[in-house]
Amino acid sequence: MSVYRLLALNIDGTLLRSNGRLQPSTKEAIQYVQKKGVAVTLVTNRHFQSARKLAKALKLKTFYVTHGGAFIANKLDDPFFEKRISEEKTFNLIQVLENYNCHIRVVHERFSIGNKKKTPDNMVNKTLLNTSDTIFYPLQFVDSLGDTLLDEPASALKIEAVFNDEEYKREAAETIRAAFEDIDLKMIQPKKLELVAKGVSKENGLRTLARHLNIPMEEIVAIGDSIDDLDMISQVGLGVAMSNAPFEVKKAADWVTRTNDQQGVEYMVKEHFRKQQRIDFLQKIKIKK
């Protein structure tokens, strides 16, 4: 039986229920696996301060991967890893995007700045985080992002754009691909475009953390539910998809657990890790041999 030393968890749609809450039984399961000597990390698209709030509730002791792999830390002021879009490139990308009818958001680990464009179906609100986060993560809206960045330059961890029309999104994506070779584009949602520095992904973020912890990828269990979790799930020793995940994610996984509303993380963790001895015990046996 394989021994796993790191458990990597996506947050939304995986660790949390659909109502955004963490079940006490899921929290107990995470503490259970940590007592076995298994490290636990979060791998999320959320900003660092939102992830840290959950990490504290779970009493996590290691670094966690945030902003989709662009920022890895356990302290805001002391990141272990960060990969940004430069100030100049952030400004240039905003200049391109402002030619289209879209809502744009510049995402930094300390704040977020968005333009005041309106989009249908309340799409702007869907791109923002829980309003309670504004207490420790300022969300500012301005008339012109270009003018704001000219006065106060910022190096983004990510730029998000939500379009009224999918055709505009395709045009913007083609323009950016042609002009910015060192920018990766992600199009997980139909009308949403995400721009990150080349190579930024949840999978690469987890790989970076694993190297730092000296844990091979084959000794990692990763659990997720969305398309951007697919590569991470397919590259670890045991990839787990939530039952609420898209078909492609479940097909790539070694194990499909219950949905997030059925405590799928708790079920998988207890079913699998109850069979694994404590890491320190296994190491003692290995030394004796």
Protein backbone atom coordinates (compact mmCIF):
# COMPACT_ATOMS: atom_id res chain seq x y z
CA MET A 1 0.00 0.00 0.00
CA SER A 2 1.30 3.46 -0.94
CA VAL A 3 2.09 5.95 1.81
CA TYR A 4 0.88 9.51 1.35
CA ARG A 5 2.52 12.39 3.21
CA LEU A 6 0.63 15.42 1.88
CA LEU A 7 -3.09 16.06 1.39
CA ALA A 8 -3.90 18.96 -0.99
CA LEU A 9 -7.42 20.39 -0.94
CA ASN A 10 -9.30 22.77 -3.18
CA ILE A 11 -11.69 25.02 -1.20
CA ASP A 12 -14.86 25.98 -3.07
CA GLY A 13 -16.90 23.01 -4.24
CA THR A 14 -14.57 20.65 -2.39
CA LEU A 15 -13.79 21.50 1.21
CA LEU A 16 -16.79 23.81 1.69
CA ARG A 17 -20.45 23.02 1.15
CA SER A 18 -22.49 24.87 -1.49
CA ASN A 19 -23.54 27.39 1.19
CA GLY A 20 -19.88 28.27 1.77
CA ARG A 21 -19.71 26.63 5.18
CA LEU A 22 -17.22 24.18 6.62
CA GLN A 23 -18.86 21.20 8.27
CA PRO A 24 -17.53 20.36 11.78
CA SER A 25 -17.17 16.72 10.69
CA THR A 26 -14.95 17.78 7.77
CA LYS A 27 -12.80 19.83 10.14
CA GLU A 28 -12.49 16.79 12.41
CA ALA A 29 -11.41 14.64 9.45
CA ILE A 30 -8.63 17.11 8.56
CA GLN A 31 -7.42 17.12 12.15
CA TYR A 32 -7.56 13.30 12.14
CA VAL A 33 -5.26 13.05 9.13
CA GLN A 34 -2.85 15.64 10.57
CA LYS A 35 -2.56 13.57 13.74
CA LYS A 36 -1.34 10.75 11.52
CA GLY A 37 1.58 12.97 10.53
CA VAL A 38 0.20 13.85 7.09
CA ALA A 39 0.70 17.49 6.09
CA VAL A 40 -2.38 19.29 4.76
CA THR A 41 -2.40 22.24 2.37
CA LEU A 42 -4.96 24.29 0.48
CA VAL A 43 -4.69 24.79 -3.30
CA THR A 44 -7.16 27.47 -4.29
CA ASN A 45 -8.06 30.34 -6.60
CA ARG A 46 -9.01 32.38 -3.55
CA HIS A 47 -6.80 35.25 -2.44
CA PHE A 48 -4.31 34.54 0.33
CA GLN A 49 -6.13 36.26 3.17
CA SER A 50 -9.36 34.39 2.49
CA ALA A 51 -7.49 31.07 2.41
CA ARG A 52 -5.60 31.95 5.60
CA LYS A 53 -8.89 32.40 7.44
CA LEU A 54 -9.87 28.82 6.59
CA ALA A 55 -6.35 27.51 7.22
CA LYS A 56 -6.49 28.89 10.75
CA ALA A 57 -9.85 27.21 11.36
CA LEU A 58 -8.33 23.91 10.21
CA LYS A 59 -5.11 24.51 12.19
CA LEU A 60 -2.93 23.90 9.14
CA LYS A 61 0.79 24.01 9.81
CA THR A 62 2.30 24.29 6.34
CA PHE A 63 2.24 26.75 3.44
CA TYR A 64 -0.83 26.96 1.19
CA VAL A 65 -1.16 27.63 -2.53
CA THR A 66 -3.37 30.62 -3.36
CA HIS A 67 -4.32 32.82 -6.34
CA GLY A 68 -4.39 29.70 -8.53
CA GLY A 69 -0.72 28.92 -7.86
CA ALA A 70 0.74 32.44 -8.06
CA PHE A 71 1.23 33.02 -4.31
CA ILE A 72 2.42 30.39 -1.79
CA ALA A 73 2.80 31.40 1.85
CA ASN A 74 1.61 30.98 5.40
CA LYS A 75 2.29 34.65 6.20
CA LEU A 76 1.19 37.53 3.99
CA ASP A 77 4.45 39.43 4.36
CA ASP A 78 6.70 36.42 3.84
CA PRO A 79 5.65 34.43 0.75
CA PHE A 80 7.64 31.32 0.01
CA PHE A 81 6.84 31.75 -3.70
CA GLU A 82 5.19 34.41 -5.86
CA LYS A 83 4.88 34.79 -9.61
CA ARG A 84 3.45 38.10 -10.77
CA ILE A 85 2.58 40.01 -13.89
CA SER A 86 4.98 42.97 -13.87
CA GLU A 87 3.69 46.50 -13.25
CA GLU A 88 4.38 47.48 -16.87
CA LYS A 89 2.68 44.37 -18.27
CA THR A 90 -0.29 44.75 -15.91
CA PHE A 91 -0.79 48.28 -17.24
CA ASN A 92 -0.41 47.18 -20.89
CA LEU A 93 -2.91 44.34 -20.46
CA ILE A 94 -5.43 46.68 -18.89
CA GLN A 95 -5.04 49.05 -21.84
CA VAL A 96 -5.94 46.19 -24.19
CA LEU A 97 -8.90 44.99 -22.11
CA GLU A 98 -10.35 48.47 -21.73
CA ASN A 99 -11.03 48.45 -25.48
CA TYR A 100 -13.69 45.82 -24.86
CA ASN A 101 -17.02 45.96 -23.05
CA CYS A 102 -16.02 43.99 -19.98
CA HIS A 103 -15.66 44.19 -16.24
CA ILE A 104 -11.96 43.99 -15.30
CA ARG A 105 -10.41 43.19 -11.96
CA VAL A 106 -6.73 43.48 -11.01
CA VAL A 107 -6.01 40.97 -8.23
CA HIS A 108 -3.18 41.59 -5.75
CA GLU A 109 -2.56 39.69 -2.51
CA ARG A 110 -3.49 42.78 -0.48
CA PHE A 111 -6.30 44.32 -2.53
CA SER A 112 -8.40 44.17 -5.68
CA ILE A 113 -9.21 47.02 -8.11
CA GLY A 114 -12.05 46.81 -10.61
CA ASN A 115 -13.69 49.08 -13.17
CA LYS A 116 -17.33 50.12 -12.91
CA LYS A 117 -18.61 48.39 -16.06
CA LYS A 118 -21.95 46.63 -15.68
CA THR A 119 -22.41 43.05 -16.84
CA PRO A 120 -25.60 40.99 -17.16
CA ASP A 121 -26.89 38.40 -14.70
CA ASN A 122 -25.00 40.00 -11.85
CA MET A 123 -21.76 38.52 -13.20
CA VAL A 124 -19.65 41.16 -11.46
CA ASN A 125 -20.85 40.03 -8.06
CA LYS A 126 -20.12 36.43 -8.99
CA THR A 127 -16.47 37.30 -9.61
CA LEU A 128 -16.09 38.94 -6.22
CA LEU A 129 -15.46 37.27 -2.93
CA ASN A 130 -17.65 37.12 0.14
CA THR A 131 -18.44 40.68 1.23
CA SER A 132 -17.15 39.90 4.71
CA ASP A 133 -13.69 39.60 3.13
CA THR A 134 -13.66 43.35 2.51
CA ILE A 135 -12.81 43.83 6.17
CA PHE A 136 -9.29 42.57 5.50
CA TYR A 137 -9.15 42.57 1.67
CA PRO A 138 -10.15 45.95 0.16
CA LEU A 139 -12.20 45.87 -3.06
CA GLN A 140 -12.03 49.21 -4.90
CA PHE A 141 -13.96 50.26 -8.02
CA VAL A 142 -12.70 53.05 -10.29
CA ASP A 143 -13.84 54.72 -13.52
CA SER A 144 -10.59 54.00 -15.34
CA LEU A 145 -8.20 51.23 -14.34
CA GLY A 146 -5.61 52.55 -16.79
CA ASP A 147 -5.55 55.99 -15.15
CA THR A 148 -5.45 54.43 -11.68
CA LEU A 149 -2.52 52.18 -12.54
CA LEU A 150 -0.70 55.07 -14.18
CA ASP A 151 -0.81 56.94 -10.85
CA GLU A 152 -0.39 53.86 -8.62
CA PRO A 153 1.31 50.99 -10.48
CA ALA A 154 0.54 47.44 -9.33
CA SER A 155 1.98 44.05 -10.22
CA ALA A 156 -0.99 41.71 -10.47
CA LEU A 157 -1.05 38.08 -9.43
CA LYS A 158 -4.03 37.71 -11.74
CA ILE A 159 -6.25 39.82 -14.00
CA GLU A 160 -9.88 38.81 -14.48
CA ALA A 161 -12.22 40.03 -17.21
CA VAL A 162 -15.95 39.23 -17.48
CA PHE A 163 -17.49 39.96 -20.88
CA ASN A 164 -21.06 40.70 -21.99
CA ASP A 165 -20.42 38.78 -25.17
CA GLU A 166 -18.39 35.61 -25.80
CA GLU A 167 -17.26 36.95 -29.19
CA TYR A 168 -15.60 39.93 -27.47
CA LYS A 169 -13.93 37.50 -25.11
CA ARG A 170 -12.52 35.48 -28.03
CA GLU A 171 -11.27 38.64 -29.75
CA ALA A 172 -9.58 39.87 -26.57
CA ALA A 173 -7.99 36.45 -25.99
CA GLU A 174 -6.59 36.34 -29.54
CA THR A 175 -5.15 39.85 -29.22
CA ILE A 176 -3.47 39.06 -25.90
CA ARG A 177 -2.07 35.72 -27.12
CA ALA A 178 -0.48 37.44 -30.11
CA ALA A 179 1.03 40.33 -28.14
CA PHE A 180 2.00 38.77 -24.79
CA GLU A 181 3.93 35.51 -25.08
CA ASP A 182 4.67 35.31 -21.35
CA ILE A 183 1.01 35.48 -20.28
CA ASP A 184 -1.23 32.42 -19.88
CA LEU A 185 -4.96 32.70 -20.53
CA LYS A 186 -7.53 30.60 -18.68
CA MET A 187 -11.11 30.32 -19.87
CA ILE A 188 -12.86 28.09 -17.34
CA GLN A 189 -16.15 30.00 -17.37
CA PRO A 190 -18.01 30.91 -20.62
CA LYS A 191 -17.70 34.71 -20.40
CA LYS A 192 -14.73 34.99 -18.04
CA LEU A 193 -11.08 35.36 -18.97
CA GLU A 194 -8.22 35.03 -16.48
CA LEU A 195 -4.69 36.25 -17.19
CA VAL A 196 -1.69 35.02 -15.19
CA ALA A 197 2.08 34.94 -15.59
CA LYS A 198 3.22 32.06 -17.78
CA GLY A 199 3.37 28.77 -15.92
CA VAL A 200 1.04 29.73 -13.09
CA SER A 201 -1.37 26.89 -12.27
CA LYS A 202 -2.59 24.92 -9.30
CA GLU A 203 -0.54 21.92 -10.45
CA ASN A 204 2.71 23.92 -10.71
CA GLY A 205 1.99 25.62 -7.39
CA LEU A 206 1.56 22.23 -5.72
CA ARG A 207 4.75 20.95 -7.38
CA THR A 208 6.67 23.96 -6.06
CA LEU A 209 5.40 23.38 -2.54
CA ALA A 210 6.07 19.63 -2.76
CA ARG A 211 9.71 20.26 -3.75
CA HIS A 212 10.09 22.64 -0.82
CA LEU A 213 8.69 20.03 1.57
CA ASN A 214 10.77 17.29 -0.08
CA ILE A 215 7.66 15.26 -0.83
CA PRO A 216 7.43 13.46 -4.21
CA MET A 217 4.24 14.02 -6.21
CA GLU A 218 3.46 10.30 -5.94
CA GLU A 219 3.17 10.71 -2.16
CA ILE A 220 0.42 13.35 -2.46
CA VAL A 221 -3.36 13.02 -2.36
CA ALA A 222 -5.14 15.90 -4.14
CA ILE A 223 -8.90 16.50 -3.99
CA GLY A 224 -10.72 18.94 -6.28
CA ASP A 225 -13.89 19.60 -8.23
CA SER A 226 -13.19 22.00 -11.10
CA ILE A 227 -11.51 21.94 -14.50
CA ASP A 228 -8.48 23.81 -13.19
CA ASP A 229 -8.00 21.03 -10.62
CA LEU A 230 -7.72 18.40 -13.39
CA ASP A 231 -3.96 18.61 -14.01
CA MET A 232 -3.23 18.59 -10.28
CA ILE A 233 -5.46 15.54 -9.76
CA SER A 234 -3.94 13.63 -12.68
CA GLN A 235 -0.31 14.25 -11.65
CA VAL A 236 -0.32 13.18 -7.98
CA GLY A 237 -0.10 9.73 -6.42
CA LEU A 238 -3.81 9.65 -5.63
CA GLY A 239 -6.09 12.07 -7.44
CA VAL A 240 -9.60 12.44 -6.06
CA ALA A 241 -12.56 14.14 -7.74
CA MET A 242 -15.68 15.27 -5.98
CA SER A 243 -18.90 13.75 -7.29
CA ASN A 244 -20.03 17.30 -8.15
CA ALA A 245 -17.02 17.73 -10.48
CA PRO A 246 -17.37 17.84 -14.29
CA PHE A 247 -17.05 14.53 -16.15
CA GLU A 248 -13.52 15.31 -17.42
CA VAL A 249 -12.24 15.78 -13.86
CA LYS A 250 -13.84 12.57 -12.62
CA LYS A 251 -12.41 10.68 -15.60
CA ALA A 252 -8.88 11.89 -14.74
CA ALA A 253 -9.21 10.91 -11.06
CA ASP A 254 -8.20 7.67 -9.34
CA TRP A 255 -11.08 7.99 -6.90
CA VAL A 256 -14.46 9.76 -7.03
CA THR A 257 -15.83 10.63 -3.63
CA ARG A 258 -19.20 12.04 -2.56
CA THR A 259 -20.30 15.61 -3.30
CA ASN A 260 -19.24 18.60 -1.20
CA ASP A 261 -22.76 18.71 0.27
CA GLN A 262 -22.40 15.06 1.28
CA GLN A 263 -19.09 15.64 3.09
CA GLY A 264 -17.08 14.04 0.29
CA VAL A 265 -13.72 15.14 1.74
CA GLU A 266 -14.52 13.69 5.15
CA TYR A 267 -15.69 10.41 3.60
CA MET A 268 -12.59 9.99 1.42
CA VAL A 269 -10.12 10.97 4.15
CA LYS A 270 -11.55 8.58 6.72
CA GLU A 271 -11.99 5.73 4.25
CA HIS A 272 -8.42 5.95 2.98
CA PHE A 273 -6.26 7.27 5.80
CA ARG A 274 -7.68 4.96 8.47
CA LYS A 275 -5.68 2.25 6.67
CA GLN A 276 -2.42 4.23 6.82
CA GLN A 277 -0.24 4.14 9.92
CA ARG A 278 1.25 7.29 11.44
CA ILE A 279 4.12 8.68 9.36
CA ASP A 280 6.58 8.62 12.29
CA PHE A 281 5.73 4.95 12.96
CA LEU A 282 6.31 4.03 9.31
CA GLN A 283 9.65 5.88 9.37
CA LYS A 284 10.78 3.94 12.45
CA ILE A 285 9.96 0.67 10.74
CA LYS A 286 11.89 1.75 7.66
CA ILE A 287 14.95 2.66 9.76
CA LYS A 288 14.88 -0.71 11.56
CA LYS A 289 14.74 -2.53 8.25
